[in-house]
């Protein structure tokens, strides 16, 4: 069943893109004790993700933090090395990138999409959430092919 408001995030391993390389983290520990603006993209270096989704959260990081968000996190079904390169190329400072290389997190929250028609295999749907101490307070899932409710601007308007 798709994750919903009031649900606790599932406990899966993600890989944090760190200064000294990939760092494994458990989602239950990582999201504990803080308010997080979490968003997911179908893939690093894809057009909408690179031109609009990630840059919007980088641009609005200060405003999100002013509204009580402790951290901004992006997940994608890519490996940590790809996310690291994407973060550098887009100057994504202020956004923590968590690699979901095997789509374990996307599957656990039941927000996967089939990108095989584009040669991408299983990917995450595009969405945004507010997660407070590991519990979902708000979830905004995009309809296929759209970019509206998962944007930083939309999330800001809901805080």
N, C-alpha and C. Protein backbone atom coordinates (compact mmCIF):
# COMPACT_ATOMS: atom_id res chain seq x y z
N UNK A 1 0.84 -1.19 0.00
CA UNK A 1 0.00 0.00 0.00
C UNK A 1 0.88 1.25 0.00
N UNK A 2 0.52 2.23 -0.80
CA UNK A 2 1.30 3.46 -0.92
C UNK A 2 1.35 4.19 0.41
N UNK A 3 2.53 4.71 0.73
CA UNK A 3 2.72 5.45 1.98
C UNK A 3 1.73 6.61 2.03
N UNK A 4 1.25 6.90 3.24
CA UNK A 4 0.23 7.94 3.42
C UNK A 4 0.56 8.78 4.65
N UNK A 5 -0.12 9.90 4.76
CA UNK A 5 0.03 10.77 5.93
C UNK A 5 -0.23 9.94 7.19
N UNK A 6 0.65 10.08 8.17
CA UNK A 6 0.54 9.35 9.42
C UNK A 6 1.37 8.08 9.45
N UNK A 7 1.82 7.61 8.31
CA UNK A 7 2.64 6.39 8.25
C UNK A 7 4.09 6.71 8.64
N UNK A 8 4.72 5.71 9.24
CA UNK A 8 6.15 5.79 9.53
C UNK A 8 6.90 5.35 8.27
N UNK A 9 8.00 6.03 7.97
CA UNK A 9 8.80 5.61 6.83
C UNK A 9 9.32 4.20 7.06
N UNK A 10 9.45 3.41 6.01
CA UNK A 10 9.99 2.06 6.15
C UNK A 10 11.48 2.12 6.46
N UNK A 11 11.98 1.04 7.04
CA UNK A 11 13.39 0.97 7.40
C UNK A 11 14.15 0.19 6.32
N UNK A 12 14.85 0.92 5.49
CA UNK A 12 15.67 0.32 4.43
C UNK A 12 17.03 1.01 4.41
N UNK A 13 17.99 0.37 3.76
CA UNK A 13 19.32 0.96 3.62
C UNK A 13 19.34 1.86 2.39
N UNK A 14 19.85 3.05 2.58
CA UNK A 14 20.11 4.00 1.51
C UNK A 14 21.60 4.34 1.56
N UNK A 15 22.10 4.94 0.51
CA UNK A 15 23.51 5.32 0.49
C UNK A 15 23.60 6.84 0.39
N UNK A 16 24.18 7.45 1.42
CA UNK A 16 24.35 8.90 1.43
C UNK A 16 25.57 9.27 0.61
N UNK A 17 25.41 10.30 -0.21
CA UNK A 17 26.53 10.83 -0.97
C UNK A 17 27.28 11.76 -0.02
N UNK A 18 28.44 11.28 0.46
CA UNK A 18 29.21 12.04 1.43
C UNK A 18 30.48 12.63 0.84
N UNK A 19 31.10 13.51 1.60
CA UNK A 19 32.34 14.15 1.18
C UNK A 19 33.45 13.14 0.90
N UNK A 20 33.48 12.07 1.70
CA UNK A 20 34.56 11.08 1.53
C UNK A 20 34.07 9.81 0.84
N UNK A 21 32.96 9.91 0.13
CA UNK A 21 32.45 8.76 -0.60
C UNK A 21 31.12 8.27 -0.07
N UNK A 22 30.63 7.16 -0.61
CA UNK A 22 29.33 6.62 -0.21
C UNK A 22 29.31 6.17 1.26
N UNK A 23 28.22 6.51 1.95
CA UNK A 23 28.04 6.15 3.36
C UNK A 23 26.68 5.47 3.54
N UNK A 24 26.64 4.18 3.91
CA UNK A 24 25.35 3.53 4.13
C UNK A 24 24.61 4.14 5.33
N UNK A 25 23.31 4.33 5.19
CA UNK A 25 22.47 4.82 6.29
C UNK A 25 21.18 4.02 6.31
N UNK A 26 20.63 3.85 7.48
CA UNK A 26 19.31 3.22 7.63
C UNK A 26 18.27 4.33 7.69
N UNK A 27 17.25 4.22 6.89
CA UNK A 27 16.25 5.28 6.82
C UNK A 27 15.60 5.55 8.17
N UNK A 28 15.34 4.51 8.96
CA UNK A 28 14.69 4.73 10.26
C UNK A 28 15.55 5.59 11.18
N UNK A 29 16.85 5.44 11.10
CA UNK A 29 17.75 6.25 11.92
C UNK A 29 17.96 7.63 11.29
N UNK A 30 18.08 7.66 9.98
CA UNK A 30 18.41 8.91 9.31
C UNK A 30 17.31 9.96 9.45
N UNK A 31 16.07 9.55 9.38
CA UNK A 31 14.96 10.50 9.44
C UNK A 31 14.45 10.74 10.86
N UNK A 32 15.05 10.08 11.84
CA UNK A 32 14.61 10.24 13.23
C UNK A 32 15.04 11.59 13.79
N UNK A 33 14.15 12.20 14.56
CA UNK A 33 14.49 13.40 15.32
C UNK A 33 14.63 14.68 14.53
N UNK A 34 14.16 14.71 13.30
CA UNK A 34 14.25 15.95 12.52
C UNK A 34 13.09 16.05 11.54
N UNK A 35 12.87 17.27 11.09
CA UNK A 35 11.82 17.53 10.09
C UNK A 35 12.52 17.64 8.74
N UNK A 36 12.09 16.80 7.79
CA UNK A 36 12.76 16.68 6.51
C UNK A 36 11.80 16.94 5.35
N UNK A 37 12.24 17.76 4.42
CA UNK A 37 11.56 17.89 3.13
C UNK A 37 12.21 16.85 2.24
N UNK A 38 11.48 15.80 1.92
CA UNK A 38 11.99 14.68 1.12
C UNK A 38 11.33 14.72 -0.25
N UNK A 39 12.16 14.63 -1.28
CA UNK A 39 11.59 14.52 -2.62
C UNK A 39 12.34 13.45 -3.40
N UNK A 40 11.63 12.86 -4.34
CA UNK A 40 12.22 11.80 -5.16
C UNK A 40 12.08 12.16 -6.63
N UNK A 41 13.10 11.78 -7.36
CA UNK A 41 13.13 12.01 -8.81
C UNK A 41 13.30 10.67 -9.51
N UNK A 42 12.81 10.56 -10.74
CA UNK A 42 13.00 9.31 -11.49
C UNK A 42 14.47 9.01 -11.79
N UNK A 43 15.29 10.05 -11.95
CA UNK A 43 16.70 9.78 -12.21
C UNK A 43 17.55 11.02 -12.32
N UNK A 44 18.78 10.91 -11.84
CA UNK A 44 19.76 11.98 -12.00
C UNK A 44 20.01 12.20 -13.49
N UNK A 45 20.30 13.42 -13.83
CA UNK A 45 20.64 13.84 -15.19
C UNK A 45 19.47 13.73 -16.19
N UNK A 46 18.27 13.41 -15.71
CA UNK A 46 17.12 13.41 -16.61
C UNK A 46 16.60 14.86 -16.73
N UNK A 47 15.91 15.18 -17.82
CA UNK A 47 15.60 16.59 -18.11
C UNK A 47 14.86 17.36 -17.00
N UNK A 48 13.69 16.92 -16.61
CA UNK A 48 12.92 17.67 -15.61
C UNK A 48 13.62 17.66 -14.25
N UNK A 49 14.21 16.54 -13.91
CA UNK A 49 14.90 16.41 -12.62
C UNK A 49 16.05 17.41 -12.51
N UNK A 50 16.82 17.54 -13.59
CA UNK A 50 18.00 18.40 -13.58
C UNK A 50 17.68 19.87 -13.83
N UNK A 51 16.67 20.14 -14.63
CA UNK A 51 16.36 21.53 -14.99
C UNK A 51 15.41 22.21 -14.01
N UNK A 52 14.55 21.42 -13.34
CA UNK A 52 13.51 22.04 -12.50
C UNK A 52 13.46 21.49 -11.08
N UNK A 53 13.38 20.16 -10.92
CA UNK A 53 13.07 19.60 -9.62
C UNK A 53 14.17 19.88 -8.59
N UNK A 54 15.37 19.37 -8.83
CA UNK A 54 16.48 19.61 -7.90
C UNK A 54 16.81 21.09 -7.77
N UNK A 55 16.95 21.84 -8.87
CA UNK A 55 17.26 23.26 -8.72
C UNK A 55 16.23 24.04 -7.90
N UNK A 56 14.97 23.66 -8.00
CA UNK A 56 13.93 24.33 -7.21
C UNK A 56 14.17 24.18 -5.72
N UNK A 57 14.56 22.99 -5.29
CA UNK A 57 14.83 22.77 -3.87
C UNK A 57 16.12 23.45 -3.42
N UNK A 58 17.11 23.51 -4.30
CA UNK A 58 18.35 24.24 -3.97
C UNK A 58 18.02 25.71 -3.79
N UNK A 59 17.24 26.27 -4.72
CA UNK A 59 16.87 27.68 -4.67
C UNK A 59 16.03 28.03 -3.46
N UNK A 60 15.14 27.13 -3.06
CA UNK A 60 14.20 27.41 -1.97
C UNK A 60 14.66 26.86 -0.61
N UNK A 61 15.90 26.39 -0.52
CA UNK A 61 16.39 25.78 0.72
C UNK A 61 16.23 26.72 1.91
N UNK A 62 16.61 27.96 1.75
CA UNK A 62 16.50 28.92 2.86
C UNK A 62 15.06 29.12 3.31
N UNK A 63 14.15 29.22 2.36
CA UNK A 63 12.74 29.42 2.70
C UNK A 63 12.17 28.19 3.40
N UNK A 64 12.54 27.00 2.94
CA UNK A 64 12.08 25.76 3.59
C UNK A 64 12.59 25.69 5.02
N UNK A 65 13.85 26.03 5.20
CA UNK A 65 14.43 25.99 6.55
C UNK A 65 13.80 27.04 7.46
N UNK A 66 13.44 28.19 6.89
CA UNK A 66 12.76 29.23 7.67
C UNK A 66 11.38 28.77 8.13
N UNK A 67 10.80 27.78 7.44
CA UNK A 67 9.49 27.24 7.81
C UNK A 67 9.62 26.00 8.70
N UNK A 68 10.82 25.74 9.24
CA UNK A 68 10.99 24.65 10.20
C UNK A 68 11.59 23.37 9.66
N UNK A 69 11.96 23.33 8.40
CA UNK A 69 12.58 22.14 7.83
C UNK A 69 14.05 22.10 8.25
N UNK A 70 14.47 20.98 8.82
CA UNK A 70 15.86 20.83 9.26
C UNK A 70 16.78 20.40 8.13
N UNK A 71 16.26 19.59 7.21
CA UNK A 71 17.09 19.05 6.14
C UNK A 71 16.25 18.81 4.90
N UNK A 72 16.87 18.97 3.74
CA UNK A 72 16.23 18.69 2.46
C UNK A 72 16.95 17.48 1.87
N UNK A 73 16.17 16.45 1.53
CA UNK A 73 16.73 15.18 1.05
C UNK A 73 16.10 14.81 -0.28
N UNK A 74 16.94 14.38 -1.22
CA UNK A 74 16.49 13.88 -2.51
C UNK A 74 16.90 12.42 -2.65
N UNK A 75 15.96 11.58 -3.05
CA UNK A 75 16.30 10.19 -3.36
C UNK A 75 16.08 9.95 -4.86
N UNK A 76 16.86 9.01 -5.38
CA UNK A 76 16.71 8.61 -6.78
C UNK A 76 17.21 7.17 -6.91
N UNK A 77 16.64 6.45 -7.84
CA UNK A 77 17.08 5.08 -8.11
C UNK A 77 18.29 5.17 -9.04
N UNK A 78 19.38 5.59 -8.44
CA UNK A 78 20.69 5.68 -9.08
C UNK A 78 21.71 5.27 -8.02
N UNK A 79 22.93 4.96 -8.44
CA UNK A 79 23.97 4.66 -7.46
C UNK A 79 24.55 5.96 -6.91
N UNK A 80 25.26 5.84 -5.80
CA UNK A 80 25.79 7.02 -5.11
C UNK A 80 26.80 7.79 -5.96
N UNK A 81 27.53 7.10 -6.82
CA UNK A 81 28.51 7.79 -7.66
C UNK A 81 27.82 8.67 -8.69
N UNK A 82 26.74 8.18 -9.28
CA UNK A 82 25.97 8.98 -10.23
C UNK A 82 25.35 10.18 -9.50
N UNK A 83 24.76 9.95 -8.33
CA UNK A 83 24.17 11.07 -7.59
C UNK A 83 25.23 12.07 -7.17
N UNK A 84 26.42 11.59 -6.80
CA UNK A 84 27.51 12.50 -6.44
C UNK A 84 27.90 13.39 -7.61
N UNK A 85 28.03 12.80 -8.79
CA UNK A 85 28.37 13.58 -9.99
C UNK A 85 27.25 14.56 -10.33
N UNK A 86 26.00 14.12 -10.17
CA UNK A 86 24.85 14.98 -10.45
C UNK A 86 24.83 16.16 -9.48
N UNK A 87 25.06 15.87 -8.21
CA UNK A 87 25.09 16.94 -7.20
C UNK A 87 26.15 17.99 -7.51
N UNK A 88 27.33 17.54 -7.91
CA UNK A 88 28.40 18.48 -8.26
C UNK A 88 28.05 19.29 -9.50
N UNK A 89 27.52 18.62 -10.52
CA UNK A 89 27.23 19.31 -11.78
C UNK A 89 26.09 20.31 -11.66
N UNK A 90 25.19 20.09 -10.70
CA UNK A 90 24.06 20.99 -10.51
C UNK A 90 24.25 21.95 -9.33
N UNK A 91 25.42 21.84 -8.69
CA UNK A 91 25.70 22.66 -7.51
C UNK A 91 24.58 22.56 -6.49
N UNK A 92 24.30 21.31 -6.10
CA UNK A 92 23.16 21.01 -5.23
C UNK A 92 23.46 21.15 -3.74
N UNK A 93 24.29 22.11 -3.39
CA UNK A 93 24.56 22.36 -1.98
C UNK A 93 23.26 22.64 -1.24
N UNK A 94 23.18 22.17 -0.03
CA UNK A 94 21.96 22.36 0.75
C UNK A 94 20.94 21.25 0.60
N UNK A 95 21.19 20.32 -0.33
CA UNK A 95 20.31 19.16 -0.51
C UNK A 95 21.14 17.90 -0.31
N UNK A 96 20.69 17.04 0.60
CA UNK A 96 21.35 15.75 0.82
C UNK A 96 20.84 14.76 -0.20
N UNK A 97 21.75 14.09 -0.88
CA UNK A 97 21.38 13.10 -1.89
C UNK A 97 21.52 11.70 -1.30
N UNK A 98 20.43 10.94 -1.35
CA UNK A 98 20.43 9.56 -0.86
C UNK A 98 20.13 8.62 -2.02
N UNK A 99 21.09 7.77 -2.32
CA UNK A 99 20.95 6.82 -3.43
C UNK A 99 20.10 5.63 -3.01
N UNK A 100 19.16 5.30 -3.86
CA UNK A 100 18.27 4.15 -3.68
C UNK A 100 18.50 3.21 -4.86
N UNK A 101 19.76 2.80 -5.03
CA UNK A 101 20.20 2.08 -6.22
C UNK A 101 19.40 0.87 -6.61
N UNK A 102 18.88 0.14 -5.66
CA UNK A 102 18.08 -1.06 -5.94
C UNK A 102 16.58 -0.81 -5.86
N UNK A 103 16.20 0.44 -5.69
CA UNK A 103 14.79 0.85 -5.57
C UNK A 103 14.12 0.27 -4.32
N UNK A 104 14.91 -0.08 -3.31
CA UNK A 104 14.33 -0.64 -2.08
C UNK A 104 13.40 0.35 -1.38
N UNK A 105 13.83 1.60 -1.30
CA UNK A 105 12.99 2.61 -0.64
C UNK A 105 11.75 2.89 -1.47
N UNK A 106 11.94 3.08 -2.78
CA UNK A 106 10.79 3.34 -3.67
C UNK A 106 9.77 2.22 -3.58
N UNK A 107 10.24 0.98 -3.53
CA UNK A 107 9.33 -0.17 -3.41
C UNK A 107 8.65 -0.19 -2.04
N UNK A 108 9.41 0.12 -1.00
CA UNK A 108 8.87 0.06 0.37
C UNK A 108 7.78 1.11 0.60
N UNK A 109 7.89 2.27 -0.07
CA UNK A 109 6.84 3.28 0.06
C UNK A 109 5.79 3.14 -1.04
N UNK A 110 5.97 2.12 -1.89
CA UNK A 110 5.06 1.80 -2.99
C UNK A 110 4.87 2.98 -3.94
N UNK A 111 6.01 3.59 -4.31
CA UNK A 111 5.99 4.69 -5.26
C UNK A 111 7.00 4.43 -6.37
N UNK A 112 6.85 3.28 -7.02
CA UNK A 112 7.73 2.93 -8.13
C UNK A 112 7.02 3.22 -9.45
N UNK A 113 7.83 3.39 -10.49
CA UNK A 113 7.30 3.51 -11.84
C UNK A 113 8.13 2.61 -12.75
N UNK A 114 7.51 2.19 -13.81
CA UNK A 114 8.18 1.34 -14.79
C UNK A 114 8.72 2.23 -15.90
N UNK A 115 10.02 2.45 -15.89
CA UNK A 115 10.65 3.27 -16.91
C UNK A 115 11.29 2.45 -18.01
N UNK A 116 10.91 1.17 -18.10
CA UNK A 116 11.55 0.29 -19.09
C UNK A 116 11.28 0.73 -20.53
N UNK A 117 10.20 1.42 -20.77
CA UNK A 117 9.93 1.93 -22.11
C UNK A 117 10.96 2.95 -22.56
N UNK A 118 11.66 3.54 -21.58
CA UNK A 118 12.72 4.50 -21.87
C UNK A 118 14.10 3.92 -21.60
N UNK A 119 14.16 2.59 -21.35
CA UNK A 119 15.43 1.94 -21.05
C UNK A 119 15.94 2.22 -19.65
N UNK A 120 15.04 2.61 -18.74
CA UNK A 120 15.44 3.00 -17.39
C UNK A 120 15.10 1.96 -16.32
N UNK A 121 14.29 0.95 -16.65
CA UNK A 121 13.91 -0.05 -15.67
C UNK A 121 13.03 0.51 -14.57
N UNK A 122 13.11 -0.09 -13.40
CA UNK A 122 12.32 0.35 -12.24
C UNK A 122 12.92 1.64 -11.69
N UNK A 123 12.08 2.62 -11.50
CA UNK A 123 12.48 3.92 -10.96
C UNK A 123 11.48 4.38 -9.92
N UNK A 124 11.80 5.47 -9.26
CA UNK A 124 10.88 6.08 -8.31
C UNK A 124 9.94 7.01 -9.06
N UNK A 125 8.71 7.07 -8.58
CA UNK A 125 7.81 8.11 -9.05
C UNK A 125 8.33 9.45 -8.54
N UNK A 126 7.87 10.50 -9.14
CA UNK A 126 8.23 11.85 -8.69
C UNK A 126 7.25 12.23 -7.58
N UNK A 127 7.78 12.63 -6.42
CA UNK A 127 6.94 13.03 -5.30
C UNK A 127 7.72 13.92 -4.34
N UNK A 128 7.00 14.51 -3.40
CA UNK A 128 7.62 15.22 -2.28
C UNK A 128 6.85 14.86 -1.02
N UNK A 129 7.55 14.98 0.11
CA UNK A 129 6.95 14.68 1.41
C UNK A 129 7.51 15.63 2.46
N UNK A 130 6.77 15.81 3.50
CA UNK A 130 7.31 16.35 4.74
C UNK A 130 7.29 15.18 5.72
N UNK A 131 8.45 14.89 6.28
CA UNK A 131 8.61 13.79 7.22
C UNK A 131 9.11 14.38 8.52
N UNK A 132 8.38 14.14 9.60
CA UNK A 132 8.75 14.66 10.91
C UNK A 132 9.02 13.50 11.84
N UNK A 133 10.27 13.37 12.28
CA UNK A 133 10.70 12.28 13.16
C UNK A 133 10.31 10.92 12.57
N UNK A 134 10.49 10.78 11.27
CA UNK A 134 10.23 9.51 10.59
C UNK A 134 8.79 9.26 10.20
N UNK A 135 7.89 10.20 10.53
CA UNK A 135 6.46 10.03 10.22
C UNK A 135 6.06 11.02 9.12
N UNK A 136 5.31 10.52 8.15
CA UNK A 136 4.88 11.34 7.01
C UNK A 136 3.78 12.30 7.46
N UNK A 137 4.03 13.60 7.29
CA UNK A 137 3.03 14.62 7.60
C UNK A 137 2.30 15.09 6.35
N UNK A 138 2.96 14.92 5.20
CA UNK A 138 2.37 15.36 3.95
C UNK A 138 3.04 14.57 2.83
N UNK A 139 2.28 14.17 1.84
CA UNK A 139 2.83 13.47 0.68
C UNK A 139 2.14 13.98 -0.57
N UNK A 140 2.95 14.28 -1.59
CA UNK A 140 2.46 14.87 -2.84
C UNK A 140 3.03 14.07 -4.00
N UNK A 141 2.21 13.24 -4.61
CA UNK A 141 2.67 12.35 -5.69
C UNK A 141 2.21 12.90 -7.03
N UNK A 142 3.14 13.00 -7.95
CA UNK A 142 2.83 13.50 -9.28
C UNK A 142 2.07 12.47 -10.11
N UNK A 143 1.18 12.96 -10.95
CA UNK A 143 0.59 12.11 -11.99
C UNK A 143 1.68 11.86 -13.02
N UNK A 144 1.63 10.74 -13.72
CA UNK A 144 2.67 10.45 -14.72
C UNK A 144 2.85 11.60 -15.72
N UNK A 145 4.11 11.96 -15.95
CA UNK A 145 4.44 12.98 -16.92
C UNK A 145 4.23 14.41 -16.49
N UNK A 146 3.90 14.64 -15.20
CA UNK A 146 3.66 16.00 -14.73
C UNK A 146 4.74 16.43 -13.74
N UNK A 147 4.83 17.73 -13.52
CA UNK A 147 5.70 18.30 -12.50
C UNK A 147 4.99 19.51 -11.91
N UNK A 148 4.24 19.26 -10.84
CA UNK A 148 3.47 20.32 -10.20
C UNK A 148 3.53 20.18 -8.68
N UNK A 149 2.96 19.09 -8.15
CA UNK A 149 2.77 18.95 -6.71
C UNK A 149 4.01 18.48 -5.95
N UNK A 150 5.07 18.13 -6.67
CA UNK A 150 6.28 17.70 -5.97
C UNK A 150 7.34 18.80 -5.95
N UNK A 151 7.01 19.96 -6.46
CA UNK A 151 7.98 21.06 -6.54
C UNK A 151 8.22 21.69 -5.17
N UNK A 152 9.34 22.37 -5.06
CA UNK A 152 9.66 23.10 -3.81
C UNK A 152 8.62 24.18 -3.56
N UNK A 153 8.19 24.87 -4.61
CA UNK A 153 7.18 25.93 -4.42
C UNK A 153 5.88 25.37 -3.87
N UNK A 154 5.43 24.24 -4.41
CA UNK A 154 4.18 23.64 -3.92
C UNK A 154 4.32 23.23 -2.46
N UNK A 155 5.45 22.59 -2.13
CA UNK A 155 5.69 22.14 -0.76
C UNK A 155 5.72 23.34 0.20
N UNK A 156 6.39 24.41 -0.21
CA UNK A 156 6.41 25.62 0.61
C UNK A 156 5.01 26.15 0.87
N UNK A 157 4.18 26.13 -0.14
CA UNK A 157 2.81 26.60 0.01
C UNK A 157 1.97 25.77 0.96
N UNK A 158 2.39 24.53 1.21
CA UNK A 158 1.65 23.64 2.11
C UNK A 158 2.18 23.68 3.55
N UNK A 159 3.31 24.34 3.76
CA UNK A 159 3.87 24.41 5.12
C UNK A 159 3.27 25.58 5.89
